[in-house]
Every structure is written in C-alpha cells, then in structure tokens.
Amino acid sequence: IYFTGWCDNLEPIWNKTSLLVHPSLHEGVPNIIMEALGRGVPVIASDIPEHRELLEEDELLFALDDPDSLALMLKRLSKDSLMLKRTALLCSERREKLTFDWAELACQAATGPLE
C-alpha cells in the first residue's frame, strides 16, 4: 500500500494498481472511481449514495461506521484470489454498463430523440 497524496499524473500509477479503495464520506460524482473502472482496476468504496449509484453491488461497498468491515474486506481480498476475481468481474460489468460513445450519441441526437 502506498499513500501518495495528491498526484498530478496518475498514468504511471494505474499500471501498478490492483485495487482502488475509496473511503469517502461525501462525494459528487467521484471521477477517480470512473477512471479506475475505465482502466479495468477493481474498486471498493464506502457505502454512500454516490458510490452506490456507480458501483451498485453490495459486495463492492463497505460501511464507513464500521472500520472492521473494511479491514475484513481488505484481508479477504488480499488472501482470497476468487474474491478479488469476483470483485474485478463486478467492476468490469459496471464499466460496460457505464460506457457510452459520444459520437454515437451525437448521431442519435441529430437523427432523432434519445431513448
């Protein structure tokens, strides 16, 4: 685990990242979670409405008022390769659902109403 603080350029870090842990109390739309999903990095996050909207699955969320639940989740992820693979699969499914093509949406908007 590396605590880097603020980084202007995350590109060198993404290739070495096996899991993003995002323990936030309040968020808008957390770009870092979307970036991680887009790069195929599994994510676990605190169970707040903004994270739940992006991740949806209970297995990817932990309670902020119970630090032991996060510790247990991290311990299990570090020792259980099947659990880490399941987390990665759930995140991959979320990435697919959240992916869209701006050009395709622009064409649809130009030719008719959006669905």
PDB file of N, CA and C in Angstrom:
ATOM      1  N   ILE A   1       0.861  -1.176   0.000  1.00  0.00           N
ATOM      2  CA  ILE A   1       0.000   0.000   0.000  1.00  0.00           C
ATOM      3  C   ILE A   1       0.895   1.223   0.000  1.00  0.00           C
ATOM      4  N   TYR A   2       0.595   2.148  -0.904  1.00  0.00           N
ATOM      5  CA  TYR A   2       1.330   3.410  -0.988  1.00  0.00           C
ATOM      6  C   TYR A   2       0.339   4.553  -0.814  1.00  0.00           C
ATOM      7  N   PHE A   3       0.640   5.455   0.092  1.00  0.00           N
ATOM      8  CA  PHE A   3      -0.152   6.670   0.271  1.00  0.00           C
ATOM      9  C   PHE A   3       0.615   7.790  -0.416  1.00  0.00           C
ATOM     10  N   THR A   4       0.169   8.158  -1.605  1.00  0.00           N
ATOM     11  CA  THR A   4       0.921   9.108  -2.409  1.00  0.00           C
ATOM     12  C   THR A   4       0.520  10.553  -2.193  1.00  0.00           C
ATOM     13  N   GLY A   5      -0.655  10.790  -1.617  1.00  0.00           N
ATOM     14  CA  GLY A   5      -1.143  12.164  -1.567  1.00  0.00           C
ATOM     15  C   GLY A   5      -1.586  12.565  -2.962  1.00  0.00           C
ATOM     16  N   TRP A   6      -1.686  13.869  -3.203  1.00  0.00           N
ATOM     17  CA  TRP A   6      -2.147  14.380  -4.490  1.00  0.00           C
ATOM     18  C   TRP A   6      -1.124  14.058  -5.578  1.00  0.00           C
ATOM     19  N   CYS A   7      -1.606  13.593  -6.722  1.00  0.00           N
ATOM     20  CA  CYS A   7      -0.742  13.301  -7.870  1.00  0.00           C
ATOM     21  C   CYS A   7      -1.288  14.027  -9.095  1.00  0.00           C
ATOM     22  N   ASP A   8      -0.436  14.767  -9.761  1.00  0.00           N
ATOM     23  CA  ASP A   8      -0.858  15.454 -10.984  1.00  0.00           C
ATOM     24  C   ASP A   8      -0.984  14.510 -12.162  1.00  0.00           C
ATOM     25  N   ASN A   9      -0.193  13.435 -12.168  1.00  0.00           N
ATOM     26  CA  ASN A   9      -0.201  12.495 -13.276  1.00  0.00           C
ATOM     27  C   ASN A   9      -0.349  11.077 -12.730  1.00  0.00           C
ATOM     28  N   LEU A  10      -1.514  10.483 -12.943  1.00  0.00           N
ATOM     29  CA  LEU A  10      -1.772   9.135 -12.445  1.00  0.00           C
ATOM     30  C   LEU A  10      -1.351   8.044 -13.415  1.00  0.00           C
ATOM     31  N   GLU A  11      -0.998   8.415 -14.622  1.00  0.00           N
ATOM     32  CA  GLU A  11      -0.684   7.412 -15.643  1.00  0.00           C
ATOM     33  C   GLU A  11       0.323   6.364 -15.178  1.00  0.00           C
ATOM     34  N   PRO A  12       1.454   6.747 -14.576  1.00  0.00           N
ATOM     35  CA  PRO A  12       2.410   5.716 -14.154  1.00  0.00           C
ATOM     36  C   PRO A  12       1.888   4.823 -13.017  1.00  0.00           C
ATOM     37  N   ILE A  13       0.920   5.321 -12.278  1.00  0.00           N
ATOM     38  CA  ILE A  13       0.403   4.591 -11.125  1.00  0.00           C
ATOM     39  C   ILE A  13      -0.614   3.531 -11.531  1.00  0.00           C
ATOM     40  N   TRP A  14      -1.433   3.815 -12.548  1.00  0.00           N
ATOM     41  CA  TRP A  14      -2.520   2.899 -12.916  1.00  0.00           C
ATOM     42  C   TRP A  14      -2.026   1.500 -13.248  1.00  0.00           C
ATOM     43  N   ASN A  15      -0.909   1.392 -13.953  1.00  0.00           N
ATOM     44  CA  ASN A  15      -0.413   0.064 -14.344  1.00  0.00           C
ATOM     45  C   ASN A  15       0.033  -0.771 -13.153  1.00  0.00           C
ATOM     46  N   LYS A  16       0.290  -0.142 -12.027  1.00  0.00           N
ATOM     47  CA  LYS A  16       0.740  -0.853 -10.830  1.00  0.00           C
ATOM     48  C   LYS A  16      -0.377  -1.017  -9.794  1.00  0.00           C
ATOM     49  N   THR A  17      -1.577  -0.595 -10.139  1.00  0.00           N
ATOM     50  CA  THR A  17      -2.690  -0.602  -9.191  1.00  0.00           C
ATOM     51  C   THR A  17      -3.538  -1.853  -9.360  1.00  0.00           C
ATOM     52  N   SER A  18      -3.727  -2.584  -8.259  1.00  0.00           N
ATOM     53  CA  SER A  18      -4.542  -3.794  -8.330  1.00  0.00           C
ATOM     54  C   SER A  18      -5.923  -3.599  -7.699  1.00  0.00           C
ATOM     55  N   LEU A  19      -6.103  -2.511  -6.935  1.00  0.00           N
ATOM     56  CA  LEU A  19      -7.381  -2.246  -6.285  1.00  0.00           C
ATOM     57  C   LEU A  19      -7.432  -0.792  -5.852  1.00  0.00           C
ATOM     58  N   LEU A  20      -8.563  -0.134  -6.110  1.00  0.00           N
ATOM     59  CA  LEU A  20      -8.789   1.223  -5.611  1.00  0.00           C
ATOM     60  C   LEU A  20      -9.738   1.135  -4.427  1.00  0.00           C
ATOM     61  N   VAL A  21      -9.334   1.691  -3.301  1.00  0.00           N
ATOM     62  CA  VAL A  21     -10.181   1.784  -2.107  1.00  0.00           C
ATOM     63  C   VAL A  21     -10.548   3.247  -1.950  1.00  0.00           C
ATOM     64  N   HIS A  22     -11.847   3.536  -1.945  1.00  0.00           N
ATOM     65  CA  HIS A  22     -12.301   4.935  -1.884  1.00  0.00           C
ATOM     66  C   HIS A  22     -13.217   5.128  -0.675  1.00  0.00           C
ATOM     67  N   PRO A  23     -12.623   5.463   0.494  1.00  0.00           N
ATOM     68  CA  PRO A  23     -13.409   5.624   1.730  1.00  0.00           C
ATOM     69  C   PRO A  23     -13.820   7.075   1.961  1.00  0.00           C
ATOM     70  N   SER A  24     -14.804   7.535   1.226  1.00  0.00           N
ATOM     71  CA  SER A  24     -15.216   8.931   1.302  1.00  0.00           C
ATOM     72  C   SER A  24     -16.540   9.069   2.055  1.00  0.00           C
ATOM     73  N   LEU A  25     -16.682  10.183   2.782  1.00  0.00           N
ATOM     74  CA  LEU A  25     -17.932  10.480   3.487  1.00  0.00           C
ATOM     75  C   LEU A  25     -18.959  11.139   2.575  1.00  0.00           C
ATOM     76  N   HIS A  26     -18.480  12.016   1.687  1.00  0.00           N
ATOM     77  CA  HIS A  26     -19.356  12.779   0.796  1.00  0.00           C
ATOM     78  C   HIS A  26     -18.678  12.915  -0.554  1.00  0.00           C
ATOM     79  N   GLU A  27     -19.438  12.848  -1.617  1.00  0.00           N
ATOM     80  CA  GLU A  27     -18.898  12.964  -2.965  1.00  0.00           C
ATOM     81  C   GLU A  27     -19.906  13.634  -3.874  1.00  0.00           C
ATOM     82  N   GLY A  28     -19.407  14.132  -4.985  1.00  0.00           N
ATOM     83  CA  GLY A  28     -20.244  14.435  -6.128  1.00  0.00           C
ATOM     84  C   GLY A  28     -20.212  13.151  -6.937  1.00  0.00           C
ATOM     85  N   VAL A  29     -19.825  13.244  -8.174  1.00  0.00           N
ATOM     86  CA  VAL A  29     -19.556  12.036  -8.955  1.00  0.00           C
ATOM     87  C   VAL A  29     -18.054  11.802  -8.861  1.00  0.00           C
ATOM     88  N   PRO A  30     -17.613  10.742  -8.222  1.00  0.00           N
ATOM     89  CA  PRO A  30     -16.184  10.531  -7.998  1.00  0.00           C
ATOM     90  C   PRO A  30     -15.448  10.104  -9.269  1.00  0.00           C
ATOM     91  N   ASN A  31     -14.747  11.048  -9.878  1.00  0.00           N
ATOM     92  CA  ASN A  31     -14.019  10.777 -11.113  1.00  0.00           C
ATOM     93  C   ASN A  31     -13.012   9.647 -10.951  1.00  0.00           C
ATOM     94  N   ILE A  32     -12.385   9.556  -9.799  1.00  0.00           N
ATOM     95  CA  ILE A  32     -11.355   8.537  -9.606  1.00  0.00           C
ATOM     96  C   ILE A  32     -11.935   7.136  -9.731  1.00  0.00           C
ATOM     97  N   ILE A  33     -13.161   6.943  -9.294  1.00  0.00           N
ATOM     98  CA  ILE A  33     -13.808   5.636  -9.430  1.00  0.00           C
ATOM     99  C   ILE A  33     -14.079   5.355 -10.908  1.00  0.00           C
ATOM    100  N   MET A  34     -14.566   6.349 -11.632  1.00  0.00           N
ATOM    101  CA  MET A  34     -14.823   6.150 -13.056  1.00  0.00           C
ATOM    102  C   MET A  34     -13.520   5.894 -13.816  1.00  0.00           C
ATOM    103  N   GLU A  35     -12.452   6.594 -13.439  1.00  0.00           N
ATOM    104  CA  GLU A  35     -11.155   6.349 -14.080  1.00  0.00           C
ATOM    105  C   GLU A  35     -10.675   4.934 -13.816  1.00  0.00           C
ATOM    106  N   ALA A  36     -10.782   4.488 -12.567  1.00  0.00           N
ATOM    107  CA  ALA A  36     -10.348   3.136 -12.225  1.00  0.00           C
ATOM    108  C   ALA A  36     -11.151   2.100 -13.004  1.00  0.00           C
ATOM    109  N   LEU A  37     -12.462   2.242 -13.030  1.00  0.00           N
ATOM    110  CA  LEU A  37     -13.297   1.308 -13.777  1.00  0.00           C
ATOM    111  C   LEU A  37     -12.914   1.300 -15.252  1.00  0.00           C
ATOM    112  N   GLY A  38     -12.694   2.492 -15.801  1.00  0.00           N
ATOM    113  CA  GLY A  38     -12.324   2.605 -17.208  1.00  0.00           C
ATOM    114  C   GLY A  38     -10.999   1.942 -17.532  1.00  0.00           C
ATOM    115  N   ARG A  39     -10.124   1.854 -16.567  1.00  0.00           N
ATOM    116  CA  ARG A  39      -8.814   1.235 -16.763  1.00  0.00           C
ATOM    117  C   ARG A  39      -8.789  -0.228 -16.316  1.00  0.00           C
ATOM    118  N   GLY A  40      -9.946  -0.736 -15.896  1.00  0.00           N
ATOM    119  CA  GLY A  40     -10.020  -2.137 -15.501  1.00  0.00           C
ATOM    120  C   GLY A  40      -9.491  -2.418 -14.103  1.00  0.00           C
ATOM    121  N   VAL A  41      -9.408  -1.383 -13.273  1.00  0.00           N
ATOM    122  CA  VAL A  41      -8.946  -1.550 -11.894  1.00  0.00           C
ATOM    123  C   VAL A  41     -10.165  -1.782 -11.001  1.00  0.00           C
ATOM    124  N   PRO A  42     -10.203  -2.883 -10.260  1.00  0.00           N
ATOM    125  CA  PRO A  42     -11.329  -3.118  -9.352  1.00  0.00           C
ATOM    126  C   PRO A  42     -11.415  -2.034  -8.281  1.00  0.00           C
ATOM    127  N   VAL A  43     -12.636  -1.770  -7.819  1.00  0.00           N
ATOM    128  CA  VAL A  43     -12.897  -0.701  -6.860  1.00  0.00           C
ATOM    129  C   VAL A  43     -13.758  -1.226  -5.721  1.00  0.00           C
ATOM    130  N   ILE A  44     -13.412  -0.824  -4.500  1.00  0.00           N
ATOM    131  CA  ILE A  44     -14.336  -0.937  -3.376  1.00  0.00           C
ATOM    132  C   ILE A  44     -14.446   0.459  -2.792  1.00  0.00           C
ATOM    133  N   ALA A  45     -15.620   0.788  -2.286  1.00  0.00           N
ATOM    134  CA  ALA A  45     -15.850   2.155  -1.828  1.00  0.00           C
ATOM    135  C   ALA A  45     -16.828   2.174  -0.663  1.00  0.00           C
ATOM    136  N   SER A  46     -16.819   3.289   0.038  1.00  0.00           N
ATOM    137  CA  SER A  46     -17.751   3.456   1.145  1.00  0.00           C
ATOM    138  C   SER A  46     -19.182   3.481   0.616  1.00  0.00           C
ATOM    139  N   ASP A  47     -20.089   2.994   1.435  1.00  0.00           N
ATOM    140  CA  ASP A  47     -21.489   2.886   1.040  1.00  0.00           C
ATOM    141  C   ASP A  47     -22.192   4.224   1.264  1.00  0.00           C
ATOM    142  N   ILE A  48     -21.993   5.111   0.292  1.00  0.00           N
ATOM    143  CA  ILE A  48     -22.702   6.389   0.266  1.00  0.00           C
ATOM    144  C   ILE A  48     -23.475   6.424  -1.054  1.00  0.00           C
ATOM    145  N   PRO A  49     -24.517   7.256  -1.167  1.00  0.00           N
ATOM    146  CA  PRO A  49     -25.366   7.222  -2.366  1.00  0.00           C
ATOM    147  C   PRO A  49     -24.603   7.375  -3.685  1.00  0.00           C
ATOM    148  N   GLU A  50     -23.600   8.247  -3.716  1.00  0.00           N
ATOM    149  CA  GLU A  50     -22.859   8.481  -4.959  1.00  0.00           C
ATOM    150  C   GLU A  50     -22.077   7.242  -5.390  1.00  0.00           C
ATOM    151  N   HIS A  51     -21.476   6.552  -4.434  1.00  0.00           N
ATOM    152  CA  HIS A  51     -20.738   5.328  -4.755  1.00  0.00           C
ATOM    153  C   HIS A  51     -21.695   4.206  -5.135  1.00  0.00           C
ATOM    154  N   ARG A  52     -22.801   4.116  -4.425  1.00  0.00           N
ATOM    155  CA  ARG A  52     -23.790   3.066  -4.707  1.00  0.00           C
ATOM    156  C   ARG A  52     -24.347   3.242  -6.120  1.00  0.00           C
ATOM    157  N   GLU A  53     -24.539   4.493  -6.540  1.00  0.00           N
ATOM    158  CA  GLU A  53     -25.050   4.749  -7.884  1.00  0.00           C
ATOM    159  C   GLU A  53     -24.078   4.229  -8.953  1.00  0.00           C
ATOM    160  N   LEU A  54     -22.784   4.392  -8.734  1.00  0.00           N
ATOM    161  CA  LEU A  54     -21.794   3.922  -9.702  1.00  0.00           C
ATOM    162  C   LEU A  54     -21.539   2.419  -9.606  1.00  0.00           C
ATOM    163  N   LEU A  55     -21.387   1.907  -8.395  1.00  0.00           N
ATOM    164  CA  LEU A  55     -20.954   0.522  -8.215  1.00  0.00           C
ATOM    165  C   LEU A  55     -22.106  -0.470  -8.056  1.00  0.00           C
ATOM    166  N   GLU A  56     -23.210  -0.029  -7.507  1.00  0.00           N
ATOM    167  CA  GLU A  56     -24.456  -0.789  -7.333  1.00  0.00           C
ATOM    168  C   GLU A  56     -24.364  -2.018  -6.439  1.00  0.00           C
ATOM    169  N   GLU A  57     -23.323  -2.809  -6.545  1.00  0.00           N
ATOM    170  CA  GLU A  57     -23.246  -4.090  -5.851  1.00  0.00           C
ATOM    171  C   GLU A  57     -22.827  -3.938  -4.387  1.00  0.00           C
ATOM    172  N   ASP A  58     -23.560  -4.577  -3.483  1.00  0.00           N
ATOM    173  CA  ASP A  58     -23.212  -4.560  -2.058  1.00  0.00           C
ATOM    174  C   ASP A  58     -21.802  -5.075  -1.807  1.00  0.00           C
ATOM    175  N   GLU A  59     -21.377  -6.034  -2.632  1.00  0.00           N
ATOM    176  CA  GLU A  59     -20.045  -6.628  -2.462  1.00  0.00           C
ATOM    177  C   GLU A  59     -18.914  -5.633  -2.688  1.00  0.00           C
ATOM    178  N   LEU A  60     -19.213  -4.518  -3.341  1.00  0.00           N
ATOM    179  CA  LEU A  60     -18.190  -3.513  -3.648  1.00  0.00           C
ATOM    180  C   LEU A  60     -18.217  -2.343  -2.673  1.00  0.00           C
ATOM    181  N   LEU A  61     -19.126  -2.396  -1.707  1.00  0.00           N
ATOM    182  CA  LEU A  61     -19.326  -1.282  -0.781  1.00  0.00           C
ATOM    183  C   LEU A  61     -19.079  -1.722   0.658  1.00  0.00           C
ATOM    184  N   PHE A  62     -18.573  -0.794   1.458  1.00  0.00           N
ATOM    185  CA  PHE A  62     -18.352  -1.078   2.876  1.00  0.00           C
ATOM    186  C   PHE A  62     -18.901   0.070   3.710  1.00  0.00           C
ATOM    187  N   ALA A  63     -19.284  -0.231   4.936  1.00  0.00           N
ATOM    188  CA  ALA A  63     -19.863   0.758   5.845  1.00  0.00           C
ATOM    189  C   ALA A  63     -18.756   1.604   6.467  1.00  0.00           C
ATOM    190  N   LEU A  64     -18.910   2.915   6.366  1.00  0.00           N
ATOM    191  CA  LEU A  64     -17.908   3.818   6.954  1.00  0.00           C
ATOM    192  C   LEU A  64     -17.941   3.817   8.472  1.00  0.00           C
ATOM    193  N   ASP A  65     -19.070   3.472   9.052  1.00  0.00           N
ATOM    194  CA  ASP A  65     -19.169   3.489  10.511  1.00  0.00           C
ATOM    195  C   ASP A  65     -18.671   2.186  11.143  1.00  0.00           C
ATOM    196  N   ASP A  66     -18.124   1.302  10.306  1.00  0.00           N
ATOM    197  CA  ASP A  66     -17.618   0.020  10.799  1.00  0.00           C
ATOM    198  C   ASP A  66     -16.253  -0.265  10.163  1.00  0.00           C
ATOM    199  N   PRO A  67     -15.179   0.312  10.734  1.00  0.00           N
ATOM    200  CA  PRO A  67     -13.848   0.115  10.151  1.00  0.00           C
ATOM    201  C   PRO A  67     -13.436  -1.350  10.101  1.00  0.00           C
ATOM    202  N   ASP A  68     -13.983  -2.161  10.992  1.00  0.00           N
ATOM    203  CA  ASP A  68     -13.659  -3.586  10.969  1.00  0.00           C
ATOM    204  C   ASP A  68     -14.167  -4.256   9.691  1.00  0.00           C
ATOM    205  N   SER A  69     -15.297  -3.756   9.148  1.00  0.00           N
ATOM    206  CA  SER A  69     -15.817  -4.343   7.907  1.00  0.00           C
ATOM    207  C   SER A  69     -14.862  -4.075   6.745  1.00  0.00           C
ATOM    208  N   LEU A  70     -14.281  -2.886   6.707  1.00  0.00           N
ATOM    209  CA  LEU A  70     -13.298  -2.579   5.667  1.00  0.00           C
ATOM    210  C   LEU A  70     -12.043  -3.427   5.863  1.00  0.00           C
ATOM    211  N   ALA A  71     -11.584  -3.534   7.092  1.00  0.00           N
ATOM    212  CA  ALA A  71     -10.392  -4.341   7.371  1.00  0.00           C
ATOM    213  C   ALA A  71     -10.618  -5.789   6.951  1.00  0.00           C
ATOM    214  N   LEU A  72     -11.791  -6.322   7.266  1.00  0.00           N
ATOM    215  CA  LEU A  72     -12.110  -7.700   6.893  1.00  0.00           C
ATOM    216  C   LEU A  72     -12.169  -7.851   5.375  1.00  0.00           C
ATOM    217  N   MET A  73     -12.796  -6.886   4.706  1.00  0.00           N
ATOM    218  CA  MET A  73     -12.894  -6.935   3.257  1.00  0.00           C
ATOM    219  C   MET A  73     -11.495  -6.908   2.620  1.00  0.00           C
ATOM    220  N   LEU A  74     -10.626  -6.024   3.095  1.00  0.00           N
ATOM    221  CA  LEU A  74      -9.266  -5.944   2.556  1.00  0.00           C
ATOM    222  C   LEU A  74      -8.476  -7.213   2.829  1.00  0.00           C
ATOM    223  N   LYS A  75      -8.658  -7.766   4.010  1.00  0.00           N
ATOM    224  CA  LYS A  75      -7.964  -9.008   4.359  1.00  0.00           C
ATOM    225  C   LYS A  75      -8.412 -10.139   3.432  1.00  0.00           C
ATOM    226  N   ARG A  76      -9.712 -10.238   3.226  1.00  0.00           N
ATOM    227  CA  ARG A  76     -10.243 -11.294   2.359  1.00  0.00           C
ATOM    228  C   ARG A  76      -9.781 -11.094   0.919  1.00  0.00           C
ATOM    229  N   LEU A  77      -9.792  -9.850   0.434  1.00  0.00           N
ATOM    230  CA  LEU A  77      -9.354  -9.582  -0.938  1.00  0.00           C
ATOM    231  C   LEU A  77      -7.879  -9.918  -1.130  1.00  0.00           C
ATOM    232  N   SER A  78      -7.072  -9.690  -0.096  1.00  0.00           N
ATOM    233  CA  SER A  78      -5.641  -9.948  -0.224  1.00  0.00           C
ATOM    234  C   SER A  78      -5.305 -11.432  -0.146  1.00  0.00           C
ATOM    235  N   LYS A  79      -6.170 -12.208   0.480  1.00  0.00           N
ATOM    236  CA  LYS A  79      -5.878 -13.643   0.662  1.00  0.00           C
ATOM    237  C   LYS A  79      -6.704 -14.554  -0.225  1.00  0.00           C
ATOM    238  N   ASP A  80      -7.817 -14.082  -0.743  1.00  0.00           N
ATOM    239  CA  ASP A  80      -8.738 -14.921  -1.498  1.00  0.00           C
ATOM    240  C   ASP A  80      -8.759 -14.462  -2.959  1.00  0.00           C
ATOM    241  N   SER A  81      -8.037 -15.163  -3.809  1.00  0.00           N
ATOM    242  CA  SER A  81      -7.941 -14.751  -5.210  1.00  0.00           C
ATOM    243  C   SER A  81      -9.301 -14.826  -5.913  1.00  0.00           C
ATOM    244  N   LEU A  82     -10.169 -15.741  -5.490  1.00  0.00           N
ATOM    245  CA  LEU A  82     -11.501 -15.820  -6.095  1.00  0.00           C
ATOM    246  C   LEU A  82     -12.338 -14.590  -5.757  1.00  0.00           C
ATOM    247  N   MET A  83     -12.195 -14.099  -4.530  1.00  0.00           N
ATOM    248  CA  MET A  83     -12.929 -12.895  -4.154  1.00  0.00           C
ATOM    249  C   MET A  83     -12.422 -11.686  -4.948  1.00  0.00           C
ATOM    250  N   LEU A  84     -11.125 -11.597  -5.138  1.00  0.00           N
ATOM    251  CA  LEU A  84     -10.564 -10.500  -5.931  1.00  0.00           C
ATOM    252  C   LEU A  84     -11.030 -10.609  -7.380  1.00  0.00           C
ATOM    253  N   LYS A  85     -11.080 -11.820  -7.925  1.00  0.00           N
ATOM    254  CA  LYS A  85     -11.564 -12.008  -9.291  1.00  0.00           C
ATOM    255  C   LYS A  85     -13.032 -11.642  -9.396  1.00  0.00           C
ATOM    256  N   ARG A  86     -13.827 -12.010  -8.383  1.00  0.00           N
ATOM    257  CA  ARG A  86     -15.259 -11.653  -8.370  1.00  0.00           C
ATOM    258  C   ARG A  86     -15.425 -10.138  -8.330  1.00  0.00           C
ATOM    259  N   THR A  87     -14.631  -9.469  -7.503  1.00  0.00           N
ATOM    260  CA  THR A  87     -14.671  -8.004  -7.422  1.00  0.00           C
ATOM    261  C   THR A  87     -14.321  -7.401  -8.780  1.00  0.00           C
ATOM    262  N   ALA A  88     -13.281  -7.921  -9.424  1.00  0.00           N
ATOM    263  CA  ALA A  88     -12.876  -7.428 -10.740  1.00  0.00           C
ATOM    264  C   ALA A  88     -13.978  -7.653 -11.772  1.00  0.00           C
ATOM    265  N   LEU A  89     -14.636  -8.809 -11.714  1.00  0.00           N
ATOM    266  CA  LEU A  89     -15.729  -9.113 -12.640  1.00  0.00           C
ATOM    267  C   LEU A  89     -16.896  -8.153 -12.444  1.00  0.00           C
ATOM    268  N   LEU A  90     -17.290  -7.924 -11.203  1.00  0.00           N
ATOM    269  CA  LEU A  90     -18.390  -6.988 -10.929  1.00  0.00           C
ATOM    270  C   LEU A  90     -18.048  -5.593 -11.439  1.00  0.00           C
ATOM    271  N   CYS A  91     -16.808  -5.176 -11.241  1.00  0.00           N
ATOM    272  CA  CYS A  91     -16.378  -3.848 -11.706  1.00  0.00           C
ATOM    273  C   CYS A  91     -16.355  -3.788 -13.235  1.00  0.00           C
ATOM    274  N   SER A  92     -15.959  -4.865 -13.861  1.00  0.00           N
ATOM    275  CA  SER A  92     -15.947  -4.924 -15.322  1.00  0.00           C
ATOM    276  C   SER A  92     -17.371  -4.808 -15.873  1.00  0.00           C
ATOM    277  N   GLU A  93     -18.309  -5.469 -15.224  1.00  0.00           N
ATOM    278  CA  GLU A  93     -19.711  -5.380 -15.640  1.00  0.00           C
ATOM    279  C   GLU A  93     -20.233  -3.951 -15.482  1.00  0.00           C
ATOM    280  N   ARG A  94     -19.845  -3.305 -14.391  1.00  0.00           N
ATOM    281  CA  ARG A  94     -20.264  -1.911 -14.186  1.00  0.00           C
ATOM    282  C   ARG A  94     -19.657  -1.008 -15.255  1.00  0.00           C
ATOM    283  N   ARG A  95     -18.388  -1.238 -15.596  1.00  0.00           N
ATOM    284  CA  ARG A  95     -17.731  -0.435 -16.634  1.00  0.00           C
ATOM    285  C   ARG A  95     -18.500  -0.547 -17.939  1.00  0.00           C
ATOM    286  N   GLU A  96     -18.904  -1.767 -18.306  1.00  0.00           N
ATOM    287  CA  GLU A  96     -19.644  -1.963 -19.550  1.00  0.00           C
ATOM    288  C   GLU A  96     -20.968  -1.203 -19.536  1.00  0.00           C
ATOM    289  N   LYS A  97     -21.654  -1.222 -18.403  1.00  0.00           N
ATOM    290  CA  LYS A  97     -22.944  -0.526 -18.315  1.00  0.00           C
ATOM    291  C   LYS A  97     -22.779   0.987 -18.349  1.00  0.00           C
ATOM    292  N   LEU A  98     -21.646   1.491 -17.881  1.00  0.00           N
ATOM    293  CA  LEU A  98     -21.413   2.934 -17.809  1.00  0.00           C
ATOM    294  C   LEU A  98     -20.725   3.493 -19.056  1.00  0.00           C
ATOM    295  N   THR A  99     -20.325   2.617 -19.979  1.00  0.00           N
ATOM    296  CA  THR A  99     -19.596   3.046 -21.171  1.00  0.00           C
ATOM    297  C   THR A  99     -20.572   3.500 -22.247  1.00  0.00           C
ATOM    298  N   PHE A 100     -20.254   4.621 -22.870  1.00  0.00           N
ATOM    299  CA  PHE A 100     -21.053   5.101 -23.982  1.00  0.00           C
ATOM    300  C   PHE A 100     -20.135   5.800 -24.976  1.00  0.00           C
ATOM    301  N   ASP A 101     -20.630   5.998 -26.173  1.00  0.00           N
ATOM    302  CA  ASP A 101     -19.868   6.590 -27.261  1.00  0.00           C
ATOM    303  C   ASP A 101     -20.458   7.965 -27.569  1.00  0.00           C
ATOM    304  N   TRP A 102     -19.666   9.021 -27.345  1.00  0.00           N
ATOM    305  CA  TRP A 102     -20.160  10.381 -27.589  1.00  0.00           C
ATOM    306  C   TRP A 102     -20.571  10.575 -29.045  1.00  0.00           C
ATOM    307  N   ALA A 103     -19.786  10.056 -29.981  1.00  0.00           N
ATOM    308  CA  ALA A 103     -20.108  10.222 -31.402  1.00  0.00           C
ATOM    309  C   ALA A 103     -21.445   9.564 -31.736  1.00  0.00           C
ATOM    310  N   GLU A 104     -21.661   8.371 -31.207  1.00  0.00           N
ATOM    311  CA  GLU A 104     -22.928   7.675 -31.453  1.00  0.00           C
ATOM    312  C   GLU A 104     -24.097   8.462 -30.859  1.00  0.00           C
ATOM    313  N   LEU A 105     -23.929   8.989 -29.649  1.00  0.00           N
ATOM    314  CA  LEU A 105     -24.991   9.779 -29.028  1.00  0.00           C
ATOM    315  C   LEU A 105     -25.266  11.054 -29.823  1.00  0.00           C
ATOM    316  N   ALA A 106     -24.220  11.663 -30.364  1.00  0.00           N
ATOM    317  CA  ALA A 106     -24.407  12.877 -31.176  1.00  0.00           C
ATOM    318  C   ALA A 106     -25.171  12.550 -32.448  1.00  0.00           C
ATOM    319  N   CYS A 107     -24.853  11.418 -33.086  1.00  0.00           N
ATOM    320  CA  CYS A 107     -25.584  10.998 -34.280  1.00  0.00           C
ATOM    321  C   CYS A 107     -27.058  10.726 -33.976  1.00  0.00           C
ATOM    322  N   GLN A 108     -27.293  10.058 -32.856  1.00  0.00           N
ATOM    323  CA  GLN A 108     -28.671   9.777 -32.449  1.00  0.00           C
ATOM    324  C   GLN A 108     -29.429  11.071 -32.192  1.00  0.00           C
ATOM    325  N   ALA A 109     -28.772  12.021 -31.556  1.00  0.00           N
ATOM    326  CA  ALA A 109     -29.424  13.311 -31.262  1.00  0.00           C
ATOM    327  C   ALA A 109     -29.722  14.063 -32.555  1.00  0.00           C
ATOM    328  N   ALA A 110     -28.844  13.941 -33.544  1.00  0.00           N
ATOM    329  CA  ALA A 110     -29.053  14.635 -34.800  1.00  0.00           C
ATOM    330  C   ALA A 110     -30.151  14.007 -35.644  1.00  0.00           C
ATOM    331  N   THR A 111     -30.368  12.701 -35.471  1.00  0.00           N
ATOM    332  CA  THR A 111     -31.337  11.998 -36.309  1.00  0.00           C
ATOM    333  C   THR A 111     -32.672  11.749 -35.619  1.00  0.00           C
ATOM    334  N   GLY A 112     -32.726  11.962 -34.334  1.00  0.00           N
ATOM    335  CA  GLY A 112     -33.994  11.713 -33.657  1.00  0.00           C
ATOM    336  C   GLY A 112     -33.842  11.805 -32.152  1.00  0.00           C
ATOM    337  N   PRO A 113     -34.943  11.585 -31.443  1.00  0.00           N
ATOM    338  CA  PRO A 113     -34.899  11.705 -29.983  1.00  0.00           C
ATOM    339  C   PRO A 113     -34.056  10.596 -29.341  1.00  0.00           C
ATOM    340  N   LEU A 114     -33.417  10.960 -28.254  1.00  0.00           N
ATOM    341  CA  LEU A 114     -32.642   9.991 -27.480  1.00  0.00           C
ATOM    342  C   LEU A 114     -33.589   9.102 -26.703  1.00  0.00           C
ATOM    343  N   GLU A 115     -33.195   7.867 -26.525  1.00  0.00           N
ATOM    344  CA  GLU A 115     -34.025   6.933 -25.743  1.00  0.00           C
ATOM    345  C   GLU A 115     -33.709   7.062 -24.278  1.00  0.00           C
TER     346      GLU A 115
END
